[in-house]
Amino acid sequence: MVWRDESFSWQGGESNLAAQKRGIQALSSLLQQYKNKSIVIGTHGNLMVLIMNYFSKEYDFHFWKNLMMLDIYKLTFADHQLMNVQHLWESHQD
C-alpha cells in the first residue's frame, strides 16, 4: 500500500513521501558538511531505497522487495547529484 500511494501512512506512522523527504534532507546536509570526502551511512532498506528512488525511479517497490538482509550499496554523488550506484555485497540467507 505505501509503495502504491506515497502519501499513505498507517495510523501513527510515516508515509514514504515524508520518510523520503526526511532522508533527502539528512543526506543533503551530510553531502554539504563532508563535501569532497568519503562517508559511510547506515540505514534500513526502506529508507535507503526511498532515497535512491528520489534520484531514479528504477529504485522502486520491486527493487526494495528484492533486497537481502544485509545489502551494501555504494552511491557516488557530485554536487548533490547521484552519479553511480554500485552493489558491493549482500548476505545470502539460506
N, C-alpha and C. Protein backbone atom coordinates (compact mmCIF):
# COMPACT_ATOMS: atom_id res chain seq x y z
N MET A 1 0.81 -1.20 0.00
CA MET A 1 0.00 0.00 0.00
C MET A 1 0.86 1.27 0.00
N VAL A 2 1.90 1.31 0.85
CA VAL A 2 2.70 2.52 0.95
C VAL A 2 3.52 2.80 -0.31
N TRP A 3 3.81 1.75 -1.09
CA TRP A 3 4.54 1.97 -2.34
C TRP A 3 3.61 2.37 -3.47
N ARG A 4 2.32 2.03 -3.37
CA ARG A 4 1.36 2.44 -4.40
C ARG A 4 0.92 3.89 -4.22
N ASP A 5 0.82 4.32 -2.96
CA ASP A 5 0.39 5.68 -2.63
C ASP A 5 1.44 6.26 -1.69
N GLU A 6 2.35 7.03 -2.25
CA GLU A 6 3.49 7.53 -1.47
C GLU A 6 3.10 8.43 -0.31
N SER A 7 1.87 8.97 -0.33
CA SER A 7 1.43 9.84 0.76
C SER A 7 0.65 9.07 1.84
N PHE A 8 0.37 7.78 1.59
CA PHE A 8 -0.36 6.96 2.56
C PHE A 8 0.53 6.64 3.76
N SER A 9 -0.07 6.65 4.93
CA SER A 9 0.64 6.17 6.12
C SER A 9 -0.35 5.46 7.02
N TRP A 10 0.13 4.44 7.71
CA TRP A 10 -0.68 3.77 8.70
C TRP A 10 -0.84 4.72 9.88
N GLN A 11 -1.88 4.58 10.64
CA GLN A 11 -2.13 5.46 11.78
C GLN A 11 -0.91 5.48 12.69
N GLY A 12 -0.43 6.69 12.97
CA GLY A 12 0.74 6.86 13.82
C GLY A 12 2.06 6.64 13.10
N GLY A 13 1.99 6.33 11.80
CA GLY A 13 3.20 6.05 11.03
C GLY A 13 3.61 7.20 10.14
N GLU A 14 4.56 6.94 9.29
CA GLU A 14 5.11 7.93 8.39
C GLU A 14 4.93 7.45 6.96
N SER A 15 4.49 8.32 6.08
CA SER A 15 4.34 7.94 4.67
C SER A 15 5.71 7.81 4.02
N ASN A 16 5.76 7.10 2.91
CA ASN A 16 7.01 7.00 2.15
C ASN A 16 7.47 8.38 1.71
N LEU A 17 6.53 9.25 1.34
CA LEU A 17 6.88 10.59 0.89
C LEU A 17 7.55 11.38 2.02
N ALA A 18 6.98 11.31 3.22
CA ALA A 18 7.56 12.02 4.37
C ALA A 18 8.92 11.43 4.74
N ALA A 19 9.05 10.11 4.71
CA ALA A 19 10.32 9.46 5.02
C ALA A 19 11.38 9.83 3.98
N GLN A 20 10.98 9.85 2.70
CA GLN A 20 11.90 10.21 1.64
C GLN A 20 12.40 11.64 1.83
N LYS A 21 11.49 12.55 2.14
CA LYS A 21 11.86 13.95 2.36
C LYS A 21 12.84 14.06 3.52
N ARG A 22 12.57 13.36 4.61
CA ARG A 22 13.45 13.36 5.77
C ARG A 22 14.82 12.79 5.41
N GLY A 23 14.84 11.69 4.67
CA GLY A 23 16.10 11.08 4.25
C GLY A 23 16.91 11.97 3.33
N ILE A 24 16.25 12.62 2.38
CA ILE A 24 16.95 13.51 1.44
C ILE A 24 17.50 14.72 2.18
N GLN A 25 16.76 15.26 3.13
CA GLN A 25 17.26 16.39 3.91
C GLN A 25 18.51 16.00 4.69
N ALA A 26 18.49 14.83 5.32
CA ALA A 26 19.66 14.37 6.07
C ALA A 26 20.84 14.12 5.14
N LEU A 27 20.59 13.48 4.01
CA LEU A 27 21.65 13.20 3.04
C LEU A 27 22.25 14.50 2.51
N SER A 28 21.41 15.45 2.15
CA SER A 28 21.90 16.74 1.62
C SER A 28 22.78 17.44 2.64
N SER A 29 22.38 17.40 3.89
CA SER A 29 23.17 18.03 4.95
C SER A 29 24.54 17.35 5.07
N LEU A 30 24.56 16.02 5.04
CA LEU A 30 25.83 15.29 5.13
C LEU A 30 26.71 15.54 3.91
N LEU A 31 26.11 15.57 2.71
CA LEU A 31 26.89 15.82 1.50
C LEU A 31 27.52 17.21 1.53
N GLN A 32 26.80 18.17 2.09
CA GLN A 32 27.33 19.53 2.22
C GLN A 32 28.44 19.57 3.26
N GLN A 33 28.18 18.97 4.42
CA GLN A 33 29.14 19.00 5.52
C GLN A 33 30.44 18.30 5.17
N TYR A 34 30.35 17.20 4.42
CA TYR A 34 31.53 16.40 4.10
C TYR A 34 31.85 16.45 2.60
N LYS A 35 31.64 17.60 2.01
CA LYS A 35 31.88 17.78 0.57
C LYS A 35 33.29 17.31 0.21
N ASN A 36 33.37 16.54 -0.88
CA ASN A 36 34.64 16.00 -1.40
C ASN A 36 35.31 15.00 -0.46
N LYS A 37 34.53 14.39 0.41
CA LYS A 37 35.05 13.37 1.31
C LYS A 37 34.20 12.11 1.14
N SER A 38 34.77 10.98 1.51
CA SER A 38 34.02 9.73 1.51
C SER A 38 33.36 9.56 2.88
N ILE A 39 32.10 9.18 2.88
CA ILE A 39 31.39 8.94 4.13
C ILE A 39 30.64 7.61 4.04
N VAL A 40 30.33 7.05 5.18
CA VAL A 40 29.56 5.82 5.27
C VAL A 40 28.29 6.14 6.03
N ILE A 41 27.16 5.71 5.49
CA ILE A 41 25.87 5.92 6.14
C ILE A 41 25.19 4.57 6.28
N GLY A 42 24.74 4.27 7.46
CA GLY A 42 23.98 3.06 7.69
C GLY A 42 22.51 3.41 7.87
N THR A 43 21.64 2.66 7.23
CA THR A 43 20.20 2.89 7.35
C THR A 43 19.46 1.60 7.05
N HIS A 44 18.18 1.60 7.29
CA HIS A 44 17.39 0.42 6.94
C HIS A 44 17.04 0.47 5.46
N GLY A 45 16.67 -0.67 4.92
CA GLY A 45 16.46 -0.81 3.49
C GLY A 45 15.38 0.09 2.91
N ASN A 46 14.28 0.27 3.63
CA ASN A 46 13.20 1.08 3.08
C ASN A 46 13.66 2.52 2.86
N LEU A 47 14.30 3.11 3.87
CA LEU A 47 14.75 4.49 3.72
C LEU A 47 15.83 4.59 2.65
N MET A 48 16.73 3.62 2.58
CA MET A 48 17.76 3.63 1.54
C MET A 48 17.13 3.67 0.16
N VAL A 49 16.15 2.81 -0.08
CA VAL A 49 15.52 2.74 -1.40
C VAL A 49 14.71 4.01 -1.67
N LEU A 50 14.06 4.55 -0.66
CA LEU A 50 13.33 5.81 -0.86
C LEU A 50 14.28 6.94 -1.26
N ILE A 51 15.45 6.99 -0.64
CA ILE A 51 16.44 8.00 -1.02
C ILE A 51 16.92 7.75 -2.46
N MET A 52 17.22 6.51 -2.78
CA MET A 52 17.66 6.19 -4.14
C MET A 52 16.56 6.50 -5.15
N ASN A 53 15.30 6.23 -4.78
CA ASN A 53 14.15 6.48 -5.64
C ASN A 53 13.98 7.96 -5.95
N TYR A 54 14.37 8.81 -5.03
CA TYR A 54 14.31 10.26 -5.24
C TYR A 54 15.13 10.64 -6.47
N PHE A 55 16.25 9.97 -6.66
CA PHE A 55 17.16 10.28 -7.76
C PHE A 55 16.85 9.50 -9.03
N SER A 56 16.27 8.31 -8.89
CA SER A 56 15.95 7.49 -10.06
C SER A 56 14.79 6.55 -9.73
N LYS A 57 13.77 6.60 -10.53
CA LYS A 57 12.57 5.79 -10.30
C LYS A 57 12.80 4.30 -10.53
N GLU A 58 13.98 3.92 -11.01
CA GLU A 58 14.27 2.48 -11.16
C GLU A 58 14.38 1.81 -9.79
N TYR A 59 14.63 2.59 -8.75
CA TYR A 59 14.70 2.07 -7.39
C TYR A 59 13.30 2.17 -6.79
N ASP A 60 12.52 1.14 -7.05
CA ASP A 60 11.09 1.15 -6.75
C ASP A 60 10.73 -0.02 -5.83
N PHE A 61 9.44 -0.32 -5.73
CA PHE A 61 8.96 -1.41 -4.89
C PHE A 61 9.63 -2.74 -5.25
N HIS A 62 9.74 -3.03 -6.54
CA HIS A 62 10.36 -4.28 -6.97
C HIS A 62 11.82 -4.36 -6.49
N PHE A 63 12.55 -3.26 -6.64
CA PHE A 63 13.94 -3.21 -6.17
C PHE A 63 13.97 -3.44 -4.65
N TRP A 64 13.11 -2.74 -3.91
CA TRP A 64 13.05 -2.86 -2.45
C TRP A 64 12.73 -4.30 -2.04
N LYS A 65 11.76 -4.90 -2.73
CA LYS A 65 11.31 -6.25 -2.38
C LYS A 65 12.43 -7.28 -2.55
N ASN A 66 13.37 -7.01 -3.44
CA ASN A 66 14.45 -7.96 -3.71
C ASN A 66 15.72 -7.69 -2.91
N LEU A 67 15.69 -6.73 -1.99
CA LEU A 67 16.84 -6.50 -1.12
C LEU A 67 17.07 -7.72 -0.24
N MET A 68 18.30 -7.96 0.07
CA MET A 68 18.65 -9.01 1.02
C MET A 68 18.96 -8.33 2.35
N MET A 69 18.89 -9.10 3.40
CA MET A 69 19.32 -8.62 4.70
C MET A 69 20.69 -9.22 4.92
N LEU A 70 21.58 -8.65 4.59
CA LEU A 70 22.19 -7.36 4.60
C LEU A 70 22.69 -7.07 3.19
N ASP A 71 22.39 -5.91 2.68
CA ASP A 71 22.90 -5.45 1.39
C ASP A 71 23.73 -4.19 1.63
N ILE A 72 24.76 -4.04 0.83
CA ILE A 72 25.59 -2.83 0.90
C ILE A 72 25.68 -2.23 -0.50
N TYR A 73 25.35 -0.95 -0.58
CA TYR A 73 25.40 -0.21 -1.83
C TYR A 73 26.32 0.99 -1.68
N LYS A 74 27.07 1.27 -2.71
CA LYS A 74 27.92 2.47 -2.76
C LYS A 74 27.26 3.45 -3.72
N LEU A 75 26.92 4.62 -3.20
CA LEU A 75 26.33 5.68 -4.02
C LEU A 75 27.37 6.78 -4.18
N THR A 76 27.58 7.21 -5.39
CA THR A 76 28.55 8.26 -5.68
C THR A 76 27.79 9.51 -6.10
N PHE A 77 28.13 10.63 -5.47
CA PHE A 77 27.46 11.90 -5.74
C PHE A 77 28.45 12.94 -6.23
N ALA A 78 27.96 13.85 -7.06
CA ALA A 78 28.69 15.04 -7.47
C ALA A 78 27.72 16.20 -7.37
N ASP A 79 28.03 17.16 -6.50
CA ASP A 79 27.15 18.32 -6.30
C ASP A 79 25.70 17.91 -6.06
N HIS A 80 25.50 17.00 -5.13
CA HIS A 80 24.17 16.53 -4.72
C HIS A 80 23.41 15.80 -5.82
N GLN A 81 24.12 15.36 -6.85
CA GLN A 81 23.51 14.59 -7.92
C GLN A 81 24.06 13.16 -7.87
N LEU A 82 23.15 12.19 -7.88
CA LEU A 82 23.57 10.80 -7.87
C LEU A 82 24.21 10.44 -9.20
N MET A 83 25.46 10.01 -9.16
CA MET A 83 26.20 9.70 -10.38
C MET A 83 26.29 8.20 -10.64
N ASN A 84 26.36 7.40 -9.56
CA ASN A 84 26.56 5.97 -9.76
C ASN A 84 26.07 5.20 -8.53
N VAL A 85 25.52 4.01 -8.79
CA VAL A 85 25.13 3.09 -7.73
C VAL A 85 25.84 1.78 -8.00
N GLN A 86 26.53 1.29 -6.99
CA GLN A 86 27.25 0.03 -7.12
C GLN A 86 26.85 -0.89 -5.98
N HIS A 87 26.42 -2.10 -6.34
CA HIS A 87 26.06 -3.11 -5.34
C HIS A 87 27.35 -3.78 -4.90
N LEU A 88 27.72 -3.59 -3.63
CA LEU A 88 29.00 -4.11 -3.15
C LEU A 88 28.91 -5.49 -2.54
N TRP A 89 27.83 -5.75 -1.78
CA TRP A 89 27.79 -7.02 -1.05
C TRP A 89 26.37 -7.31 -0.60
N GLU A 90 26.04 -8.57 -0.56
CA GLU A 90 24.77 -8.99 0.03
C GLU A 90 25.01 -10.28 0.80
N SER A 91 24.30 -10.42 1.91
CA SER A 91 24.39 -11.68 2.62
C SER A 91 23.47 -12.66 1.91
N HIS A 92 23.76 -13.91 2.03
CA HIS A 92 22.93 -14.93 1.40
C HIS A 92 22.20 -15.69 2.50
N GLN A 93 20.90 -15.49 2.54
CA GLN A 93 20.09 -16.16 3.55
C GLN A 93 19.65 -17.51 3.00
N ASP A 94 20.00 -18.55 3.69
CA ASP A 94 19.62 -19.90 3.26
C ASP A 94 18.51 -20.43 4.13
